[in-house]
Amino acid sequence: MTGNGAFAQSPAPLAEVHIGYLRTHAPKLALSLLDIPPGDDGVAGAKVAISDNNATGKFVGQHFTLDERKVGTDDDVTGAFKEMVAAGNRYIVADLPASQLFAIADLARTEGVLVFNVGATDDRLREEECRINVFHIAPTRTMLADALAQYLIWKKWPNWALLYGSHDDDRSFADALRRAATRFGGNIVAEKEFTDIGSARRTDTGVTQIQQQISTFTQDLPDHDVVLVADESEVFGSYVPYRTWIPRPVAGTAGLVPSAWHPASEQWAGLQMQNRFVKSAGRQMRSKDWAAWTAVRVVGEATTRTQSADAKKVEDYLRSDDFSVPGFKGQKLTFRKWNLQLRQPIFLGDAKSVVSVSPQEGFLHQSSELDTLGVDQPETKCELK
């Protein structure tokens, strides 16, 4: 009882907002030990965002939780998804390849669940095979390629030699680079495919052999300003810088690399974000960490603004003109209404520093300069349904 004899009221129970994190768990091959992702890649960013959400949520009566599940790359992902939904997760952060994302997308719609793609860069997920309940945080290949192309054109380096790998993902990024050349006035003067013959990457090749192989491979290229590399499969790309026949800068999946985040970013309060992440995870923040952090913050921002954990109300708000989320990139980020892709600047950096950020100065757009990166509304093949 209180001093005046009245019973003290108990505080209202917090509204629980359950967020699932569904990801593939498989070892990733890489040419450099520095490129092998940590075991908590992405998840670490989501955990920081959960803490951020709860810091605000306690003032509006909301509490956020994270439920992580792992599946193999060849597993049936629907079982793990159904378990997460049964556990009360209405928002799923998905770090899955396109095939597994497709497997849960329509099922998620039936269950009234929103999916946030933080891993797959395939443009078709936002275009021909888009889904009305799947929001995309990770940038597309075309966004990454456009960001790089804008910088090269701004530097007046328009002539490019394109080297690409023999796997489907390599070819897809090569296609994005070709599109970017056409879009911004680049000139691809030559192309060569580097065939994966199944070597053991690091162990089967000595430094001398690599040095000779890449030099010979690039010997017959015509004159060019930049070597573009499309090697998402990590077969040869990291070997290209400093080993070409003639001295030229390298860009693409090696050398100057476009990415959603860069661990050396300090501008726009980026240093504050980096420090908080390092304190939490004990390592530097990577692009997937940023994407996962942003996905969880999108949910936090929407539930706070709507004062509701209802997925339908959150979805309506995310589609509205009122929604935006900060991302430590110099401007507020919003979703494209035609394909649910998050608009965002793209970092261009090497192993040590941020070289530039696209969109570049002078690349104009009638509504948002961010829409100069990737598929614009007049080009979209997406019919949200």
Protein backbone atom coordinates (compact mmCIF):
# COMPACT_ATOMS: atom_id res chain seq x y z
CA MET A 1 0.00 0.00 0.00
CA THR A 2 1.07 3.58 -0.59
CA GLY A 3 1.20 6.22 2.11
CA ASN A 4 -2.38 7.34 1.46
CA GLY A 5 -3.72 3.81 1.73
CA ALA A 6 -4.11 3.15 -2.01
CA PHE A 7 -2.61 0.09 -3.62
CA ALA A 8 0.34 0.88 -5.93
CA GLN A 9 -0.35 -0.06 -9.53
CA SER A 10 1.96 -2.60 -11.16
CA PRO A 11 3.68 -1.35 -14.31
CA ALA A 12 2.06 -2.49 -17.53
CA PRO A 13 3.73 -5.58 -19.03
CA LEU A 14 6.11 -4.89 -21.88
CA ALA A 15 4.94 -5.76 -25.38
CA GLU A 16 7.27 -8.47 -26.69
CA VAL A 17 8.66 -8.06 -30.21
CA HIS A 18 10.25 -11.31 -31.33
CA ILE A 19 12.72 -11.15 -34.22
CA GLY A 20 14.14 -14.29 -35.79
CA TYR A 21 17.54 -14.58 -37.47
CA LEU A 22 17.67 -17.42 -39.98
CA ARG A 23 20.97 -18.09 -41.71
CA THR A 24 22.98 -20.70 -43.54
CA HIS A 25 25.95 -22.17 -41.76
CA ALA A 26 28.69 -23.37 -44.06
CA PRO A 27 32.44 -22.75 -44.30
CA LYS A 28 33.32 -20.07 -46.86
CA LEU A 29 36.38 -20.53 -49.01
CA ALA A 30 38.60 -17.50 -49.48
CA LEU A 31 41.95 -16.75 -51.05
CA SER A 32 43.02 -14.66 -48.07
CA LEU A 33 42.75 -15.56 -44.41
CA LEU A 34 41.56 -11.98 -43.89
CA ASP A 35 38.49 -12.67 -46.04
CA ILE A 36 37.19 -15.66 -44.09
CA PRO A 37 34.05 -14.34 -42.35
CA PRO A 38 33.73 -14.71 -38.58
CA GLY A 39 31.26 -17.24 -37.25
CA ASP A 40 28.93 -14.51 -36.00
CA ASP A 41 28.99 -12.50 -39.24
CA GLY A 42 25.70 -10.62 -39.36
CA VAL A 43 24.40 -11.97 -36.08
CA ALA A 44 26.75 -9.68 -34.17
CA GLY A 45 25.19 -6.66 -35.88
CA ALA A 46 21.68 -7.87 -35.09
CA LYS A 47 22.58 -8.25 -31.40
CA VAL A 48 23.82 -4.65 -31.21
CA ALA A 49 20.56 -3.51 -32.82
CA ILE A 50 18.50 -5.50 -30.31
CA SER A 51 20.30 -3.63 -27.54
CA ASP A 52 19.64 -0.33 -29.33
CA ASN A 53 15.96 -1.21 -29.77
CA ASN A 54 15.58 -2.09 -26.11
CA ALA A 55 17.22 1.16 -25.02
CA THR A 56 14.33 2.99 -26.70
CA GLY A 57 11.71 0.31 -26.19
CA LYS A 58 11.74 0.54 -22.42
CA PHE A 59 10.31 4.05 -22.69
CA VAL A 60 7.42 2.96 -24.93
CA GLY A 61 6.67 -0.39 -23.32
CA GLN A 62 8.37 -2.68 -25.84
CA HIS A 63 10.94 -5.43 -25.38
CA PHE A 64 12.88 -7.00 -28.27
CA THR A 65 14.36 -10.50 -28.46
CA LEU A 66 16.49 -12.30 -31.06
CA ASP A 67 16.00 -15.97 -31.96
CA GLU A 68 18.87 -17.33 -34.07
CA ARG A 69 18.59 -20.52 -36.14
CA LYS A 70 21.14 -22.07 -38.51
CA VAL A 71 20.57 -24.31 -41.51
CA GLY A 72 22.91 -26.01 -43.96
CA THR A 73 23.12 -24.71 -47.52
CA ASP A 74 21.40 -27.88 -48.81
CA ASP A 75 18.84 -28.17 -45.99
CA ASP A 76 15.10 -27.69 -46.28
CA VAL A 77 14.85 -24.26 -44.68
CA THR A 78 11.08 -24.39 -44.24
CA GLY A 79 11.31 -26.57 -41.14
CA ALA A 80 13.46 -24.06 -39.26
CA PHE A 81 11.24 -21.23 -40.49
CA LYS A 82 8.08 -22.91 -39.19
CA GLU A 83 9.74 -23.45 -35.81
CA MET A 84 10.60 -19.76 -35.59
CA VAL A 85 7.07 -18.70 -36.48
CA ALA A 86 5.65 -21.15 -33.92
CA ALA A 87 7.93 -19.53 -31.33
CA GLY A 88 6.28 -16.16 -31.99
CA ASN A 89 8.74 -14.55 -34.40
CA ARG A 90 6.80 -12.27 -36.77
CA TYR A 91 9.91 -10.65 -38.26
CA ILE A 92 12.62 -12.78 -39.85
CA VAL A 93 16.08 -11.48 -40.71
CA ALA A 94 17.17 -13.82 -43.50
CA ASP A 95 20.82 -14.43 -44.37
CA LEU A 96 20.07 -17.04 -47.01
CA PRO A 97 20.95 -17.71 -50.65
CA ALA A 98 18.25 -16.91 -53.18
CA SER A 99 16.95 -20.50 -53.44
CA GLN A 100 16.32 -20.76 -49.70
CA LEU A 101 14.87 -17.26 -49.51
CA PHE A 102 12.35 -18.24 -52.19
CA ALA A 103 11.46 -21.32 -50.14
CA ILE A 104 10.27 -19.25 -47.18
CA ALA A 105 8.95 -16.09 -48.89
CA ASP A 106 5.46 -17.29 -49.85
CA LEU A 107 5.17 -19.33 -46.68
CA ALA A 108 5.99 -16.19 -44.70
CA ARG A 109 3.24 -14.26 -46.47
CA THR A 110 0.70 -16.94 -45.57
CA GLU A 111 1.77 -16.64 -41.92
CA GLY A 112 1.73 -12.81 -41.94
CA VAL A 113 5.49 -12.66 -41.37
CA LEU A 114 7.82 -9.98 -42.73
CA VAL A 115 11.20 -11.08 -44.11
CA PHE A 116 14.29 -8.85 -44.27
CA ASN A 117 16.95 -10.02 -46.71
CA VAL A 118 20.46 -9.18 -45.47
CA GLY A 119 22.55 -11.60 -47.52
CA ALA A 120 21.38 -12.22 -51.09
CA THR A 121 22.40 -9.59 -53.66
CA ASP A 122 20.52 -11.17 -56.59
CA ASP A 123 18.57 -8.55 -58.54
CA ARG A 124 15.88 -11.07 -59.50
CA LEU A 125 14.77 -11.20 -55.86
CA ARG A 126 13.76 -7.54 -56.23
CA GLU A 127 12.62 -7.76 -59.84
CA GLU A 128 11.12 -10.72 -61.74
CA GLU A 129 10.65 -12.78 -58.58
CA CYS A 130 9.94 -10.04 -56.02
CA ARG A 131 7.61 -10.67 -53.08
CA ILE A 132 5.39 -8.15 -51.34
CA ASN A 133 6.45 -9.25 -47.85
CA VAL A 134 10.24 -9.37 -48.44
CA PHE A 135 12.21 -6.19 -47.73
CA HIS A 136 15.80 -6.01 -48.95
CA ILE A 137 18.54 -4.45 -46.83
CA ALA A 138 21.56 -5.86 -48.69
CA PRO A 139 22.37 -3.84 -51.82
CA THR A 140 21.97 -5.53 -55.19
CA ARG A 141 24.77 -6.39 -57.58
CA THR A 142 23.56 -3.61 -59.87
CA MET A 143 23.74 -1.09 -57.03
CA LEU A 144 27.32 -2.14 -56.25
CA ALA A 145 28.34 -2.09 -59.90
CA ASP A 146 26.70 1.31 -60.51
CA ALA A 147 28.44 2.77 -57.47
CA LEU A 148 31.81 1.64 -58.79
CA ALA A 149 31.10 2.75 -62.36
CA GLN A 150 30.09 6.25 -61.25
CA TYR A 151 33.42 6.70 -59.47
CA LEU A 152 35.48 5.42 -62.41
CA ILE A 153 33.65 7.76 -64.79
CA TRP A 154 34.03 10.64 -62.34
CA LYS A 155 37.79 9.91 -62.30
CA LYS A 156 37.78 9.91 -66.12
CA TRP A 157 38.91 6.29 -66.28
CA PRO A 158 36.33 5.06 -68.83
CA ASN A 159 38.16 2.15 -70.48
CA TRP A 160 37.84 -1.13 -68.63
CA ALA A 161 39.15 -4.66 -69.06
CA LEU A 162 36.77 -7.17 -67.47
CA LEU A 163 38.03 -10.41 -65.88
CA TYR A 164 35.33 -12.72 -64.55
CA GLY A 165 35.10 -16.15 -62.98
CA SER A 166 33.36 -19.23 -64.33
CA HIS A 167 30.68 -19.61 -61.63
CA ASP A 168 27.12 -18.29 -61.88
CA ASP A 169 27.58 -15.58 -59.22
CA ASP A 170 30.73 -14.36 -60.97
CA ARG A 171 28.86 -14.09 -64.25
CA SER A 172 25.98 -12.28 -62.57
CA PHE A 173 28.30 -9.59 -61.21
CA ALA A 174 29.99 -9.36 -64.60
CA ASP A 175 26.54 -8.74 -66.11
CA ALA A 176 25.97 -5.96 -63.56
CA LEU A 177 29.29 -4.36 -64.55
CA ARG A 178 28.37 -4.52 -68.24
CA ARG A 179 25.04 -2.88 -67.46
CA ALA A 180 26.80 -0.16 -65.47
CA ALA A 181 29.17 0.52 -68.37
CA THR A 182 26.23 1.03 -70.71
CA ARG A 183 24.39 3.14 -68.14
CA PHE A 184 27.21 5.56 -67.32
CA GLY A 185 29.39 5.64 -70.42
CA GLY A 186 32.07 3.10 -69.59
CA ASN A 187 33.82 1.20 -72.38
CA ILE A 188 34.67 -2.46 -71.79
CA VAL A 189 37.57 -2.90 -74.20
CA ALA A 190 38.10 -6.62 -73.51
CA GLU A 191 36.73 -9.53 -71.48
CA LYS A 192 38.34 -12.75 -70.28
CA GLU A 193 36.94 -15.64 -68.27
CA PHE A 194 39.15 -17.23 -65.60
CA THR A 195 38.10 -20.87 -65.45
CA ASP A 196 38.01 -22.58 -62.06
CA ILE A 197 39.89 -25.85 -62.50
CA GLY A 198 39.31 -26.92 -58.91
CA SER A 199 42.73 -26.24 -57.39
CA ALA A 200 43.15 -25.92 -53.65
CA ARG A 201 43.41 -22.15 -53.95
CA ARG A 202 45.97 -21.21 -51.28
CA THR A 203 47.87 -24.50 -51.01
CA ASP A 204 48.32 -25.56 -54.65
CA THR A 205 49.88 -22.31 -55.81
CA GLY A 206 53.08 -20.71 -54.75
CA VAL A 207 53.70 -16.98 -54.86
CA THR A 208 55.92 -17.31 -57.93
CA GLN A 209 53.35 -19.38 -59.84
CA ILE A 210 50.55 -16.93 -59.04
CA GLN A 211 52.73 -14.02 -60.08
CA GLN A 212 53.46 -15.61 -63.42
CA GLN A 213 49.93 -16.91 -64.02
CA ILE A 214 48.12 -13.59 -63.55
CA SER A 215 50.75 -11.71 -65.54
CA THR A 216 50.40 -14.13 -68.44
CA PHE A 217 46.59 -14.12 -68.19
CA THR A 218 46.47 -10.34 -68.62
CA GLN A 219 49.29 -10.03 -71.16
CA ASP A 220 47.11 -9.85 -74.27
CA LEU A 221 44.65 -7.21 -72.99
CA PRO A 222 44.38 -4.05 -75.11
CA ASP A 223 45.15 -0.71 -73.51
CA HIS A 224 42.80 0.09 -70.63
CA ASP A 225 42.45 2.38 -67.61
CA VAL A 226 41.18 -0.12 -65.03
CA VAL A 227 40.95 -3.88 -64.59
CA LEU A 228 37.48 -4.91 -63.40
CA VAL A 229 37.27 -8.20 -61.51
CA ALA A 230 34.07 -10.23 -61.04
CA ASP A 231 35.04 -13.12 -58.77
CA GLU A 232 32.45 -13.57 -56.05
CA SER A 233 33.52 -17.21 -55.77
CA GLU A 234 37.01 -16.24 -54.60
CA VAL A 235 38.97 -18.25 -57.15
CA PHE A 236 41.44 -15.72 -58.56
CA GLY A 237 40.38 -12.12 -57.85
CA SER A 238 42.56 -11.41 -54.84
CA TYR A 239 45.61 -12.41 -56.89
CA VAL A 240 45.05 -9.75 -59.57
CA PRO A 241 46.22 -6.47 -57.89
CA TYR A 242 49.93 -5.80 -58.44
CA ARG A 243 50.32 -8.83 -60.72
CA THR A 244 48.84 -7.60 -64.02
CA TRP A 245 51.01 -7.39 -67.15
CA ILE A 246 50.78 -3.60 -67.26
CA PRO A 247 50.33 -1.44 -64.15
CA ARG A 248 46.67 -0.58 -63.78
CA PRO A 249 44.30 -0.10 -60.83
CA VAL A 250 42.01 -3.04 -60.04
CA ALA A 251 38.36 -2.71 -58.96
CA GLY A 252 35.30 -4.89 -58.42
CA THR A 253 35.51 -7.87 -56.08
CA ALA A 254 39.21 -7.06 -55.56
CA GLY A 255 41.20 -3.85 -55.24
CA LEU A 256 38.67 -1.03 -54.98
CA VAL A 257 35.58 -2.83 -53.70
CA PRO A 258 31.99 -1.47 -53.46
CA SER A 259 30.21 -2.50 -50.26
CA ALA A 260 27.31 -1.70 -47.96
CA TRP A 261 29.70 -0.91 -45.10
CA HIS A 262 33.41 -0.39 -44.54
CA PRO A 263 35.19 -1.11 -41.24
CA ALA A 264 37.19 2.13 -41.59
CA SER A 265 34.17 4.42 -42.00
CA GLU A 266 34.27 7.30 -39.52
CA GLN A 267 32.00 9.94 -41.08
CA TRP A 268 28.38 10.59 -40.15
CA ALA A 269 28.84 9.22 -36.61
CA GLY A 270 30.28 6.04 -38.15
CA LEU A 271 33.09 6.01 -35.60
CA GLN A 272 30.54 5.91 -32.79
CA MET A 273 28.84 2.93 -34.45
CA GLN A 274 32.19 1.21 -35.01
CA ASN A 275 33.23 1.66 -31.39
CA ARG A 276 29.96 0.29 -30.04
CA PHE A 277 30.19 -2.69 -32.34
CA VAL A 278 33.80 -3.48 -31.42
CA LYS A 279 32.93 -3.26 -27.73
CA SER A 280 30.06 -5.73 -28.25
CA ALA A 281 31.56 -8.17 -30.78
CA GLY A 282 35.30 -7.84 -30.21
CA ARG A 283 36.01 -7.33 -33.90
CA GLN A 284 35.42 -4.87 -36.76
CA MET A 285 31.98 -4.37 -38.30
CA ARG A 286 31.44 -5.94 -41.73
CA SER A 287 28.83 -5.29 -44.42
CA LYS A 288 26.58 -8.14 -43.30
CA ASP A 289 26.76 -6.89 -39.71
CA TRP A 290 25.61 -3.49 -40.91
CA ALA A 291 22.77 -5.01 -42.96
CA ALA A 292 21.58 -7.12 -40.02
CA TRP A 293 21.86 -4.16 -37.64
CA THR A 294 19.81 -2.07 -40.06
CA ALA A 295 17.14 -4.77 -40.49
CA VAL A 296 16.58 -5.05 -36.74
CA ARG A 297 16.61 -1.26 -36.39
CA VAL A 298 14.00 -1.02 -39.17
CA VAL A 299 11.70 -3.19 -37.07
CA GLY A 300 12.52 -1.19 -33.94
CA GLU A 301 11.91 2.14 -35.64
CA ALA A 302 8.61 0.99 -37.12
CA THR A 303 7.22 -0.59 -33.94
CA THR A 304 8.20 2.48 -31.93
CA ARG A 305 6.64 4.94 -34.38
CA THR A 306 3.42 2.94 -34.75
CA GLN A 307 3.41 1.99 -31.05
CA SER A 308 2.45 -1.47 -32.20
CA ALA A 309 4.11 -4.84 -32.67
CA ASP A 310 1.48 -5.87 -35.22
CA ALA A 311 3.25 -6.97 -38.40
CA LYS A 312 0.55 -5.56 -40.70
CA LYS A 313 0.77 -2.10 -39.12
CA VAL A 314 4.55 -2.26 -39.31
CA GLU A 315 4.43 -3.28 -42.98
CA ASP A 316 2.07 -0.41 -43.85
CA TYR A 317 4.38 2.04 -42.08
CA LEU A 318 7.48 0.75 -43.87
CA ARG A 319 5.75 1.43 -47.20
CA SER A 320 4.62 4.92 -46.21
CA ASP A 321 6.28 8.25 -46.93
CA ASP A 322 6.76 8.73 -43.19
CA PHE A 323 9.27 5.89 -42.75
CA SER A 324 13.03 6.34 -42.68
CA VAL A 325 15.87 4.83 -40.69
CA PRO A 326 19.33 6.24 -39.95
CA GLY A 327 22.23 4.13 -41.15
CA PHE A 328 25.44 6.09 -40.40
CA LYS A 329 25.75 6.90 -44.10
CA GLY A 330 25.03 10.62 -44.12
CA GLN A 331 21.31 10.52 -44.86
CA LYS A 332 18.14 8.78 -43.83
CA LEU A 333 17.39 5.54 -45.65
CA THR A 334 14.04 4.55 -47.16
CA PHE A 335 12.58 1.66 -49.14
CA ARG A 336 11.88 1.87 -52.86
CA LYS A 337 8.16 1.36 -53.19
CA TRP A 338 8.46 -0.48 -56.51
CA ASN A 339 10.68 -3.35 -55.30
CA LEU A 340 11.21 -2.89 -51.52
CA GLN A 341 14.96 -2.34 -51.85
CA LEU A 342 16.55 -0.07 -49.23
CA ARG A 343 18.03 3.05 -50.81
CA GLN A 344 21.54 3.61 -49.51
CA PRO A 345 24.93 5.12 -50.35
CA ILE A 346 27.62 2.59 -51.25
CA PHE A 347 31.16 2.71 -49.87
CA LEU A 348 34.14 2.25 -52.20
CA GLY A 349 37.20 1.13 -50.32
CA ASP A 350 40.35 -0.94 -50.20
CA ALA A 351 41.66 -3.02 -47.33
CA LYS A 352 42.58 0.03 -45.25
CA SER A 353 40.31 2.96 -46.02
CA VAL A 354 37.19 4.40 -47.59
CA VAL A 355 38.24 5.87 -50.96
CA SER A 356 34.87 7.36 -51.89
CA VAL A 357 31.12 7.03 -51.43
CA SER A 358 28.56 6.81 -54.24
CA PRO A 359 26.37 8.24 -55.67
CA GLN A 360 29.03 10.56 -57.02
CA GLU A 361 28.66 14.28 -57.51
CA GLY A 362 27.05 15.13 -60.83
CA PHE A 363 24.96 11.99 -61.23
CA LEU A 364 21.52 13.52 -60.89
CA HIS A 365 18.03 12.09 -60.47
CA GLN A 366 14.59 13.69 -60.52
CA SER A 367 13.62 12.42 -57.06
CA SER A 368 16.57 10.85 -55.21
CA GLU A 369 20.21 10.61 -56.27
CA LEU A 370 20.29 7.28 -54.44
CA ASP A 371 18.07 5.95 -57.22
CA THR A 372 20.96 6.34 -59.67
CA LEU A 373 22.26 3.14 -58.04
CA GLY A 374 20.54 -0.04 -59.19
CA VAL A 375 17.20 -0.57 -60.92
CA ASP A 376 15.13 2.61 -61.09
CA GLN A 377 11.32 2.67 -61.15
CA PRO A 378 10.93 3.03 -64.95
CA GLU A 379 13.15 -0.06 -65.42
CA THR A 380 11.65 -2.33 -62.79
CA LYS A 381 10.15 -5.71 -63.63
CA CYS A 382 8.71 -6.14 -60.16
CA GLU A 383 4.96 -6.50 -59.66
CA LEU A 384 4.43 -6.66 -55.91
CA LYS A 385 1.73 -9.13 -55.01
